C-alpha cells in the first residue's frame, strides 16, 4: 500500500488558502499560506518594507520564488536561498516590486526590537540552480541540504524541487536538484 503524496506548485500561490499577516515593524500586510509545520509561502506586496531593527529568536531560511527581497543590505533574487541564524540583526527589509517567498523558521518566530543598525550575523545567500553540489549534498542550514541524487531518507522531510518549485513531504528525494528540510 502506498500513501498519496501531496505535491504543491509553489508558484501557484493563488490556489493555497492564506491569511494576511502584519510582520512586526511594517505597515503593509503580507499574505501567508501555511504549508506544513514551520513552512509557509509568503506573498509580499509591492512597496512592502520593514524599517524596524531587530532579530528573531529562531533561525529563518527562505527561497525567493518571484520578485526580489532585500534583507539588511543583501538582495535575494528568484532561485536564491537565504539563511539568517537565530539572533541575526536585521536593520532593514523590503520587497520594492513584491515577492513570493518560501520561508521556514527553526522555532517560534519571536521578534525582538533593537536600536542597533548594523547587521551582525552571518547571513548567507546561495543560488540553488547554479551552485556546485558536492557528493553527499550541500548543507545550507543545520536543518537543510541541497541534493542532486534521488535517495531514500530515514525520516520524512519537506522537499522543494529546483527549478520547478514544487513542494512535498516525503521519505524519497525525487530526481533533480532538491532542497531537503527536516523539522528541528
N, C-alpha and C. Protein backbone atom coordinates (compact mmCIF):
# COMPACT_ATOMS: atom_id res chain seq x y z
N UNK A 1 0.84 -1.18 0.00
CA UNK A 1 0.00 0.00 0.00
C UNK A 1 0.89 1.24 0.00
N UNK A 2 0.65 2.17 -0.88
CA UNK A 2 1.45 3.39 -0.95
C UNK A 2 0.58 4.58 -0.56
N UNK A 3 1.19 5.50 0.15
CA UNK A 3 0.47 6.70 0.56
C UNK A 3 0.48 7.72 -0.57
N UNK A 4 -0.62 8.45 -0.71
CA UNK A 4 -0.66 9.51 -1.70
C UNK A 4 0.29 10.62 -1.26
N UNK A 5 1.04 11.14 -2.21
CA UNK A 5 1.96 12.22 -1.94
C UNK A 5 1.33 13.52 -2.44
N UNK A 6 1.24 14.50 -1.57
CA UNK A 6 0.71 15.80 -1.94
C UNK A 6 1.86 16.63 -2.48
N UNK A 7 1.74 17.08 -3.73
CA UNK A 7 2.73 17.94 -4.34
C UNK A 7 2.07 19.28 -4.61
N UNK A 8 2.70 20.34 -4.14
CA UNK A 8 2.16 21.69 -4.28
C UNK A 8 3.06 22.50 -5.21
N UNK A 9 2.45 23.15 -6.19
CA UNK A 9 3.15 24.07 -7.08
C UNK A 9 3.28 25.40 -6.33
N UNK A 10 4.48 25.72 -5.86
CA UNK A 10 4.67 26.93 -5.07
C UNK A 10 4.44 28.21 -5.85
N UNK A 11 4.59 28.15 -7.17
CA UNK A 11 4.37 29.35 -7.99
C UNK A 11 2.89 29.66 -8.18
N UNK A 12 2.03 28.70 -7.83
CA UNK A 12 0.59 28.89 -7.96
C UNK A 12 0.01 29.21 -6.59
N UNK A 13 0.51 30.28 -5.96
CA UNK A 13 0.09 30.59 -4.61
C UNK A 13 -1.38 30.99 -4.51
N UNK A 14 -2.00 31.33 -5.62
CA UNK A 14 -3.43 31.68 -5.60
C UNK A 14 -4.28 30.48 -5.19
N UNK A 15 -3.76 29.28 -5.41
CA UNK A 15 -4.51 28.07 -5.07
C UNK A 15 -4.39 27.68 -3.60
N UNK A 16 -3.46 28.30 -2.87
CA UNK A 16 -3.26 27.96 -1.47
C UNK A 16 -4.11 28.84 -0.58
N UNK A 17 -4.76 28.26 0.42
CA UNK A 17 -5.50 29.10 1.35
C UNK A 17 -4.51 29.94 2.14
N UNK A 18 -4.87 31.17 2.42
CA UNK A 18 -3.95 32.03 3.14
C UNK A 18 -4.67 33.06 3.96
N UNK A 19 -3.90 33.76 4.74
CA UNK A 19 -4.42 34.83 5.58
C UNK A 19 -3.44 35.98 5.51
N UNK A 20 -3.90 37.18 5.81
CA UNK A 20 -2.98 38.30 5.83
C UNK A 20 -2.36 38.41 7.21
N UNK A 21 -1.15 38.94 7.23
CA UNK A 21 -0.37 39.00 8.46
C UNK A 21 0.50 40.24 8.41
N UNK A 22 0.59 40.96 9.51
CA UNK A 22 1.42 42.15 9.59
C UNK A 22 2.71 41.77 10.31
N UNK A 23 3.82 41.76 9.59
CA UNK A 23 5.12 41.46 10.18
C UNK A 23 5.50 42.63 11.07
N UNK A 24 6.10 42.37 12.26
CA UNK A 24 6.47 43.47 13.16
C UNK A 24 7.30 44.53 12.44
N UNK A 25 6.97 45.80 12.71
CA UNK A 25 7.72 46.91 12.14
C UNK A 25 7.35 47.25 10.71
N UNK A 26 6.19 46.76 10.24
CA UNK A 26 5.76 47.04 8.87
C UNK A 26 4.37 47.66 8.87
N UNK A 27 3.99 48.21 7.71
CA UNK A 27 2.66 48.81 7.58
C UNK A 27 1.80 48.10 6.55
N UNK A 28 2.43 47.34 5.63
CA UNK A 28 1.67 46.59 4.63
C UNK A 28 1.65 45.12 5.02
N UNK A 29 0.46 44.51 5.07
CA UNK A 29 0.41 43.09 5.41
C UNK A 29 0.89 42.21 4.26
N UNK A 30 1.39 41.04 4.63
CA UNK A 30 1.77 40.01 3.65
C UNK A 30 0.69 38.93 3.71
N UNK A 31 0.58 38.15 2.63
CA UNK A 31 -0.34 37.01 2.62
C UNK A 31 0.47 35.77 2.94
N UNK A 32 0.03 34.99 3.90
CA UNK A 32 0.75 33.81 4.35
C UNK A 32 -0.12 32.58 4.12
N UNK A 33 0.45 31.59 3.45
CA UNK A 33 -0.21 30.29 3.27
C UNK A 33 0.67 29.25 3.96
N UNK A 34 0.17 28.63 4.99
CA UNK A 34 0.93 27.61 5.72
C UNK A 34 0.99 26.34 4.88
N UNK A 35 2.18 25.77 4.77
CA UNK A 35 2.35 24.52 4.02
C UNK A 35 2.27 23.33 4.96
N UNK A 36 3.15 23.29 5.95
CA UNK A 36 3.20 22.18 6.89
C UNK A 36 4.25 22.53 7.94
N UNK A 37 4.00 22.22 9.18
CA UNK A 37 4.99 22.51 10.20
C UNK A 37 5.33 23.99 10.22
N UNK A 38 6.62 24.30 10.13
CA UNK A 38 7.09 25.69 10.18
C UNK A 38 7.14 26.34 8.81
N UNK A 39 6.82 25.62 7.76
CA UNK A 39 6.95 26.13 6.39
C UNK A 39 5.73 26.93 5.96
N UNK A 40 6.00 28.04 5.26
CA UNK A 40 4.94 28.90 4.74
C UNK A 40 5.35 29.46 3.40
N UNK A 41 4.35 29.88 2.67
CA UNK A 41 4.55 30.62 1.43
C UNK A 41 4.05 32.03 1.72
N UNK A 42 4.90 33.03 1.46
CA UNK A 42 4.54 34.42 1.77
C UNK A 42 4.54 35.25 0.50
N UNK A 43 3.47 36.02 0.31
CA UNK A 43 3.36 36.94 -0.81
C UNK A 43 3.53 38.35 -0.24
N UNK A 44 4.66 38.99 -0.57
CA UNK A 44 4.94 40.37 -0.16
C UNK A 44 4.39 41.30 -1.23
N UNK A 45 3.57 42.29 -0.87
CA UNK A 45 3.02 43.21 -1.88
C UNK A 45 4.09 44.20 -2.34
N UNK A 46 3.95 44.75 -3.54
CA UNK A 46 4.88 45.79 -3.98
C UNK A 46 4.92 46.95 -2.97
N UNK A 47 6.11 47.42 -2.68
CA UNK A 47 6.28 48.51 -1.74
C UNK A 47 6.41 48.08 -0.29
N UNK A 48 6.32 46.77 -0.01
CA UNK A 48 6.45 46.29 1.36
C UNK A 48 7.84 46.66 1.89
N UNK A 49 7.89 47.10 3.14
CA UNK A 49 9.17 47.44 3.77
C UNK A 49 9.07 47.27 5.28
N UNK A 50 10.19 46.93 5.87
CA UNK A 50 10.31 46.82 7.33
C UNK A 50 11.48 47.71 7.73
N UNK A 51 11.19 48.77 8.44
CA UNK A 51 12.25 49.69 8.86
C UNK A 51 12.69 49.44 10.30
N UNK A 52 11.88 48.73 11.06
CA UNK A 52 12.23 48.44 12.45
C UNK A 52 13.43 47.51 12.51
N UNK A 53 14.39 47.82 13.37
CA UNK A 53 15.56 46.97 13.55
C UNK A 53 15.25 45.92 14.60
N UNK A 54 15.81 44.73 14.41
CA UNK A 54 15.60 43.67 15.39
C UNK A 54 16.09 42.34 14.88
N UNK A 55 15.70 41.28 15.60
CA UNK A 55 16.07 39.93 15.20
C UNK A 55 15.00 38.95 15.68
N UNK A 56 15.04 37.76 15.10
CA UNK A 56 14.16 36.68 15.54
C UNK A 56 14.95 35.75 16.46
N UNK A 57 14.26 35.15 17.41
CA UNK A 57 14.90 34.21 18.33
C UNK A 57 15.17 32.86 17.68
N UNK A 58 14.61 32.64 16.49
CA UNK A 58 14.82 31.39 15.76
C UNK A 58 15.48 31.72 14.42
N UNK A 59 16.26 30.79 13.91
CA UNK A 59 16.83 30.95 12.58
C UNK A 59 15.74 30.87 11.52
N UNK A 60 15.97 31.55 10.40
CA UNK A 60 15.00 31.53 9.31
C UNK A 60 15.72 31.21 8.00
N UNK A 61 15.13 30.28 7.26
CA UNK A 61 15.62 30.05 5.91
C UNK A 61 14.49 30.35 4.95
N UNK A 62 14.86 30.79 3.75
CA UNK A 62 13.86 31.15 2.77
C UNK A 62 14.41 30.97 1.37
N UNK A 63 13.48 30.86 0.41
CA UNK A 63 13.83 30.80 -1.01
C UNK A 63 12.93 31.80 -1.72
N UNK A 64 13.54 32.73 -2.44
CA UNK A 64 12.76 33.68 -3.23
C UNK A 64 12.34 32.96 -4.51
N UNK A 65 11.04 32.95 -4.77
CA UNK A 65 10.49 32.27 -5.94
C UNK A 65 10.16 33.25 -7.06
N UNK A 66 9.71 34.44 -6.68
CA UNK A 66 9.39 35.52 -7.63
C UNK A 66 9.76 36.84 -6.99
N UNK A 67 10.09 37.84 -7.81
CA UNK A 67 10.39 39.17 -7.30
C UNK A 67 11.77 39.23 -6.70
N UNK A 68 11.93 40.12 -5.75
CA UNK A 68 13.20 40.23 -5.04
C UNK A 68 12.93 40.68 -3.62
N UNK A 69 13.79 40.24 -2.73
CA UNK A 69 13.66 40.55 -1.31
C UNK A 69 15.01 41.10 -0.84
N UNK A 70 14.97 42.27 -0.18
CA UNK A 70 16.17 42.89 0.37
C UNK A 70 16.13 42.69 1.87
N UNK A 71 17.22 42.15 2.44
CA UNK A 71 17.31 41.97 3.88
C UNK A 71 18.69 42.44 4.33
N UNK A 72 18.72 43.48 5.14
CA UNK A 72 19.96 44.02 5.71
C UNK A 72 21.04 44.23 4.66
N UNK A 73 20.67 44.85 3.55
CA UNK A 73 21.64 45.19 2.53
C UNK A 73 21.95 44.09 1.52
N UNK A 74 21.36 42.92 1.68
CA UNK A 74 21.57 41.82 0.73
C UNK A 74 20.31 41.67 -0.11
N UNK A 75 20.47 41.60 -1.43
CA UNK A 75 19.34 41.40 -2.33
C UNK A 75 19.27 39.92 -2.71
N UNK A 76 18.11 39.32 -2.48
CA UNK A 76 17.85 37.92 -2.83
C UNK A 76 16.93 37.92 -4.05
N UNK A 77 17.35 37.22 -5.09
CA UNK A 77 16.60 37.15 -6.35
C UNK A 77 15.96 35.77 -6.50
N UNK A 78 15.09 35.58 -7.51
CA UNK A 78 14.46 34.28 -7.70
C UNK A 78 15.49 33.15 -7.80
N UNK A 79 15.20 32.07 -7.07
CA UNK A 79 16.09 30.91 -7.07
C UNK A 79 17.18 30.98 -6.03
N UNK A 80 17.22 32.05 -5.24
CA UNK A 80 18.25 32.17 -4.22
C UNK A 80 17.71 31.80 -2.85
N UNK A 81 18.51 31.05 -2.12
CA UNK A 81 18.21 30.58 -0.78
C UNK A 81 18.89 31.51 0.22
N UNK A 82 18.18 31.89 1.25
CA UNK A 82 18.76 32.69 2.31
C UNK A 82 18.71 31.97 3.64
N UNK A 83 19.71 32.24 4.47
CA UNK A 83 19.74 31.67 5.82
C UNK A 83 20.18 32.78 6.77
N UNK A 84 19.35 33.05 7.77
CA UNK A 84 19.64 34.02 8.82
C UNK A 84 19.56 33.29 10.15
N UNK A 85 20.71 32.97 10.76
CA UNK A 85 20.68 32.25 12.04
C UNK A 85 19.94 33.04 13.12
N UNK A 86 19.51 32.35 14.14
CA UNK A 86 18.83 32.99 15.27
C UNK A 86 19.69 34.13 15.80
N UNK A 87 19.05 35.27 16.07
CA UNK A 87 19.76 36.40 16.64
C UNK A 87 20.42 37.32 15.63
N UNK A 88 20.36 36.99 14.34
CA UNK A 88 20.97 37.85 13.33
C UNK A 88 20.18 39.16 13.24
N UNK A 89 20.88 40.29 13.46
CA UNK A 89 20.22 41.59 13.43
C UNK A 89 19.78 41.91 12.01
N UNK A 90 18.55 42.37 11.89
CA UNK A 90 18.00 42.84 10.61
C UNK A 90 17.79 44.34 10.76
N UNK A 91 18.51 45.12 9.95
CA UNK A 91 18.37 46.56 10.05
C UNK A 91 17.43 47.12 9.01
N UNK A 92 17.00 46.30 8.05
CA UNK A 92 16.02 46.73 7.06
C UNK A 92 15.59 45.51 6.25
N UNK A 93 14.43 45.63 5.65
CA UNK A 93 13.94 44.60 4.72
C UNK A 93 12.94 45.27 3.79
N UNK A 94 12.89 44.80 2.54
CA UNK A 94 11.97 45.40 1.59
C UNK A 94 11.73 44.46 0.41
N UNK A 95 10.57 44.63 -0.21
CA UNK A 95 10.22 43.95 -1.47
C UNK A 95 9.64 45.03 -2.37
N UNK A 96 10.52 45.85 -2.99
CA UNK A 96 10.05 47.03 -3.74
C UNK A 96 9.01 46.71 -4.81
N UNK A 97 9.19 45.61 -5.53
CA UNK A 97 8.23 45.23 -6.58
C UNK A 97 7.40 44.02 -6.18
N UNK A 98 7.46 43.66 -4.90
CA UNK A 98 6.76 42.49 -4.41
C UNK A 98 7.62 41.25 -4.52
N UNK A 99 7.21 40.18 -3.84
CA UNK A 99 7.97 38.93 -3.87
C UNK A 99 7.08 37.78 -3.40
N UNK A 100 7.40 36.60 -3.91
CA UNK A 100 6.80 35.35 -3.44
C UNK A 100 7.95 34.55 -2.84
N UNK A 101 7.82 34.17 -1.55
CA UNK A 101 8.93 33.58 -0.82
C UNK A 101 8.46 32.37 -0.02
N UNK A 102 9.18 31.24 -0.15
CA UNK A 102 9.03 30.10 0.75
C UNK A 102 9.85 30.44 1.98
N UNK A 103 9.30 30.25 3.17
CA UNK A 103 10.05 30.55 4.38
C UNK A 103 9.75 29.52 5.46
N UNK A 104 10.76 29.27 6.30
CA UNK A 104 10.60 28.34 7.41
C UNK A 104 11.50 28.79 8.56
N UNK A 105 10.92 28.86 9.74
CA UNK A 105 11.69 29.19 10.95
C UNK A 105 12.05 27.90 11.67
N UNK A 106 13.15 27.94 12.40
CA UNK A 106 13.62 26.77 13.15
C UNK A 106 13.18 26.85 14.61
N UNK A 107 12.01 27.37 14.83
CA UNK A 107 11.45 27.53 16.17
C UNK A 107 10.43 28.64 16.11
N UNK A 108 9.90 29.07 17.27
CA UNK A 108 8.92 30.15 17.28
C UNK A 108 9.52 31.44 16.70
N UNK A 109 8.77 32.10 15.83
CA UNK A 109 9.24 33.33 15.17
C UNK A 109 8.97 34.53 16.07
N UNK A 110 9.71 34.62 17.16
CA UNK A 110 9.55 35.71 18.12
C UNK A 110 10.48 36.85 17.74
N UNK A 111 9.91 38.03 17.48
CA UNK A 111 10.66 39.21 17.03
C UNK A 111 11.08 40.03 18.25
N UNK A 112 12.36 40.45 18.28
CA UNK A 112 12.90 41.28 19.34
C UNK A 112 13.40 42.58 18.72
N UNK A 113 12.83 43.70 19.11
CA UNK A 113 13.26 45.01 18.60
C UNK A 113 14.66 45.33 19.10
N UNK A 114 15.37 46.15 18.32
CA UNK A 114 16.72 46.56 18.70
C UNK A 114 16.98 47.98 18.22
N UNK A 115 17.84 48.69 18.91
CA UNK A 115 18.23 50.03 18.50
C UNK A 115 19.47 49.99 17.61
N UNK A 116 20.14 48.86 17.54
CA UNK A 116 21.34 48.74 16.71
C UNK A 116 20.94 48.82 15.24
N UNK A 117 21.87 49.25 14.39
CA UNK A 117 21.53 49.39 12.97
C UNK A 117 22.55 48.77 12.02
N UNK A 118 23.47 48.00 12.53
CA UNK A 118 24.45 47.32 11.68
C UNK A 118 24.21 45.82 11.76
N UNK A 119 24.13 45.14 10.60
CA UNK A 119 23.94 43.69 10.64
C UNK A 119 25.13 43.04 11.33
N UNK A 120 24.87 41.99 12.09
CA UNK A 120 25.94 41.35 12.85
C UNK A 120 26.02 39.85 12.65
N UNK A 121 25.16 39.30 11.84
CA UNK A 121 25.13 37.85 11.72
C UNK A 121 25.63 37.37 10.38
N UNK A 122 25.89 36.10 10.29
CA UNK A 122 26.41 35.51 9.05
C UNK A 122 25.30 35.16 8.06
N UNK A 123 24.57 36.18 7.57
CA UNK A 123 23.53 35.92 6.57
C UNK A 123 24.17 35.27 5.34
N UNK A 124 23.50 34.28 4.78
CA UNK A 124 24.03 33.57 3.62
C UNK A 124 23.05 33.62 2.47
N UNK A 125 23.59 33.65 1.25
CA UNK A 125 22.79 33.65 0.03
C UNK A 125 23.39 32.60 -0.90
N UNK A 126 22.55 31.65 -1.36
CA UNK A 126 23.02 30.56 -2.22
C UNK A 126 22.12 30.45 -3.45
N UNK A 127 22.69 30.53 -4.66
CA UNK A 127 21.88 30.34 -5.88
C UNK A 127 21.62 28.84 -6.10
N UNK A 128 20.42 28.39 -5.78
CA UNK A 128 20.11 26.96 -5.80
C UNK A 128 20.26 26.30 -7.17
N UNK A 129 20.00 27.05 -8.24
CA UNK A 129 20.04 26.45 -9.58
C UNK A 129 21.46 26.29 -10.12
N UNK A 130 22.42 27.05 -9.61
CA UNK A 130 23.76 27.03 -10.21
C UNK A 130 24.89 26.63 -9.27
N UNK A 131 24.65 26.60 -7.98
CA UNK A 131 25.71 26.26 -7.04
C UNK A 131 26.18 24.82 -7.28
N UNK A 132 27.47 24.59 -7.12
CA UNK A 132 28.02 23.23 -7.26
C UNK A 132 27.66 22.43 -6.01
N UNK A 133 27.10 21.25 -6.24
CA UNK A 133 26.69 20.38 -5.13
C UNK A 133 27.75 19.28 -4.98
N UNK A 134 28.47 19.24 -3.86
CA UNK A 134 29.46 18.18 -3.68
C UNK A 134 28.78 16.83 -3.46
N UNK A 135 29.54 15.78 -3.63
CA UNK A 135 28.99 14.44 -3.37
C UNK A 135 28.51 14.38 -1.93
N UNK A 136 27.31 13.87 -1.74
CA UNK A 136 26.71 13.80 -0.42
C UNK A 136 25.82 14.99 -0.09
N UNK A 137 25.82 16.01 -0.94
CA UNK A 137 24.93 17.15 -0.76
C UNK A 137 25.63 18.38 -0.20
N UNK A 138 24.95 19.52 -0.32
CA UNK A 138 25.46 20.80 0.15
C UNK A 138 24.61 21.25 1.34
N UNK A 139 25.17 21.19 2.57
CA UNK A 139 24.41 21.68 3.72
C UNK A 139 24.15 23.18 3.59
N UNK A 140 22.91 23.60 3.82
CA UNK A 140 22.55 25.01 3.73
C UNK A 140 22.26 25.61 5.10
N UNK A 141 21.70 24.82 5.99
CA UNK A 141 21.41 25.24 7.36
C UNK A 141 21.60 24.01 8.24
N UNK A 142 21.47 24.15 9.56
CA UNK A 142 21.54 22.95 10.40
C UNK A 142 20.41 21.95 10.13
N UNK A 143 19.36 22.39 9.38
CA UNK A 143 18.20 21.54 9.14
C UNK A 143 17.91 21.29 7.67
N UNK A 144 18.81 21.72 6.77
CA UNK A 144 18.52 21.52 5.35
C UNK A 144 19.78 21.27 4.55
N UNK A 145 19.56 20.63 3.39
CA UNK A 145 20.65 20.27 2.49
C UNK A 145 20.13 20.33 1.06
N UNK A 146 21.00 20.68 0.13
CA UNK A 146 20.66 20.65 -1.30
C UNK A 146 21.26 19.39 -1.88
N UNK A 147 20.40 18.54 -2.48
CA UNK A 147 20.83 17.26 -3.04
C UNK A 147 20.55 17.23 -4.54
N UNK A 148 21.27 16.36 -5.23
CA UNK A 148 21.00 16.15 -6.66
C UNK A 148 20.98 14.67 -7.01
N UNK A 149 20.76 13.84 -6.00
CA UNK A 149 20.69 12.40 -6.19
C UNK A 149 19.42 11.87 -5.52
N UNK A 150 18.59 11.13 -6.26
CA UNK A 150 17.39 10.57 -5.62
C UNK A 150 17.79 9.46 -4.64
N UNK A 151 17.50 9.67 -3.37
CA UNK A 151 17.86 8.70 -2.34
C UNK A 151 16.70 8.57 -1.36
N UNK A 152 16.60 7.43 -0.69
CA UNK A 152 15.60 7.30 0.38
C UNK A 152 16.17 7.94 1.66
N UNK A 153 15.29 8.51 2.45
CA UNK A 153 15.67 9.12 3.72
C UNK A 153 15.19 8.28 4.88
N UNK A 154 15.80 8.45 6.04
CA UNK A 154 15.38 7.67 7.21
C UNK A 154 14.17 8.28 7.92
N UNK A 155 13.76 9.49 7.49
CA UNK A 155 12.57 10.13 8.06
C UNK A 155 11.97 11.08 7.05
N UNK A 156 10.74 11.45 7.26
CA UNK A 156 10.04 12.35 6.34
C UNK A 156 10.64 13.74 6.40
N UNK A 157 10.71 14.38 5.25
CA UNK A 157 11.25 15.73 5.15
C UNK A 157 10.43 16.53 4.14
N UNK A 158 10.52 17.85 4.24
CA UNK A 158 9.96 18.73 3.22
C UNK A 158 10.95 18.76 2.07
N UNK A 159 10.44 18.83 0.84
CA UNK A 159 11.32 18.87 -0.32
C UNK A 159 10.81 19.90 -1.31
N UNK A 160 11.73 20.72 -1.79
CA UNK A 160 11.41 21.69 -2.84
C UNK A 160 12.28 21.33 -4.03
N UNK A 161 11.64 20.98 -5.15
CA UNK A 161 12.37 20.64 -6.36
C UNK A 161 12.71 21.93 -7.11
N UNK A 162 13.98 22.06 -7.44
CA UNK A 162 14.52 23.24 -8.14
C UNK A 162 14.67 22.88 -9.61
N UNK A 163 14.33 23.65 -10.59
CA UNK A 163 13.69 24.96 -10.57
C UNK A 163 12.19 24.90 -10.84
N UNK A 164 11.56 23.73 -10.71
CA UNK A 164 10.11 23.68 -10.95
C UNK A 164 9.33 24.25 -9.77
N UNK A 165 10.00 24.38 -8.63
CA UNK A 165 9.44 24.97 -7.41
C UNK A 165 8.17 24.27 -6.97
N UNK A 166 8.28 22.95 -6.86
CA UNK A 166 7.20 22.17 -6.27
C UNK A 166 7.63 21.75 -4.87
N UNK A 167 6.65 21.59 -4.00
CA UNK A 167 6.89 21.25 -2.60
C UNK A 167 6.16 19.95 -2.27
N UNK A 168 6.80 19.12 -1.47
CA UNK A 168 6.16 17.90 -0.99
C UNK A 168 6.82 17.44 0.30
N UNK A 169 6.13 16.56 1.03
CA UNK A 169 6.71 15.86 2.19
C UNK A 169 6.87 14.41 1.76
N UNK A 170 8.05 13.88 1.98
CA UNK A 170 8.30 12.52 1.53
C UNK A 170 9.52 11.94 2.25
N UNK A 171 9.74 10.65 2.03
CA UNK A 171 10.95 10.00 2.52
C UNK A 171 11.86 9.61 1.35
N UNK A 172 11.47 9.99 0.15
CA UNK A 172 12.27 9.70 -1.04
C UNK A 172 12.56 10.99 -1.79
N UNK A 173 13.84 11.30 -1.95
CA UNK A 173 14.23 12.50 -2.68
C UNK A 173 14.00 12.25 -4.16
N UNK A 174 13.24 13.12 -4.84
CA UNK A 174 12.97 12.92 -6.27
C UNK A 174 14.19 13.27 -7.12
N UNK A 175 14.06 13.04 -8.42
CA UNK A 175 15.12 13.38 -9.39
C UNK A 175 15.36 14.88 -9.43
N UNK A 176 16.57 15.28 -9.75
CA UNK A 176 16.90 16.69 -9.94
C UNK A 176 17.49 17.32 -8.70
N UNK A 177 17.61 18.64 -8.73
CA UNK A 177 18.08 19.40 -7.56
C UNK A 177 16.92 19.54 -6.58
N UNK A 178 17.18 19.22 -5.34
CA UNK A 178 16.11 19.23 -4.35
C UNK A 178 16.63 19.81 -3.02
N UNK A 179 15.93 20.81 -2.53
CA UNK A 179 16.20 21.33 -1.19
C UNK A 179 15.43 20.44 -0.22
N UNK A 180 16.14 19.79 0.68
CA UNK A 180 15.52 18.90 1.66
C UNK A 180 15.63 19.57 3.02
N UNK A 181 14.49 19.66 3.72
CA UNK A 181 14.46 20.32 5.03
C UNK A 181 13.73 19.44 6.04
N UNK A 182 14.40 19.22 7.16
CA UNK A 182 13.81 18.46 8.27
C UNK A 182 13.35 19.44 9.33
N UNK A 183 12.28 19.09 10.03
CA UNK A 183 11.82 19.91 11.15
C UNK A 183 12.88 19.82 12.25
N UNK A 184 13.14 20.96 12.92
CA UNK A 184 14.13 20.96 14.02
C UNK A 184 13.66 20.12 15.19
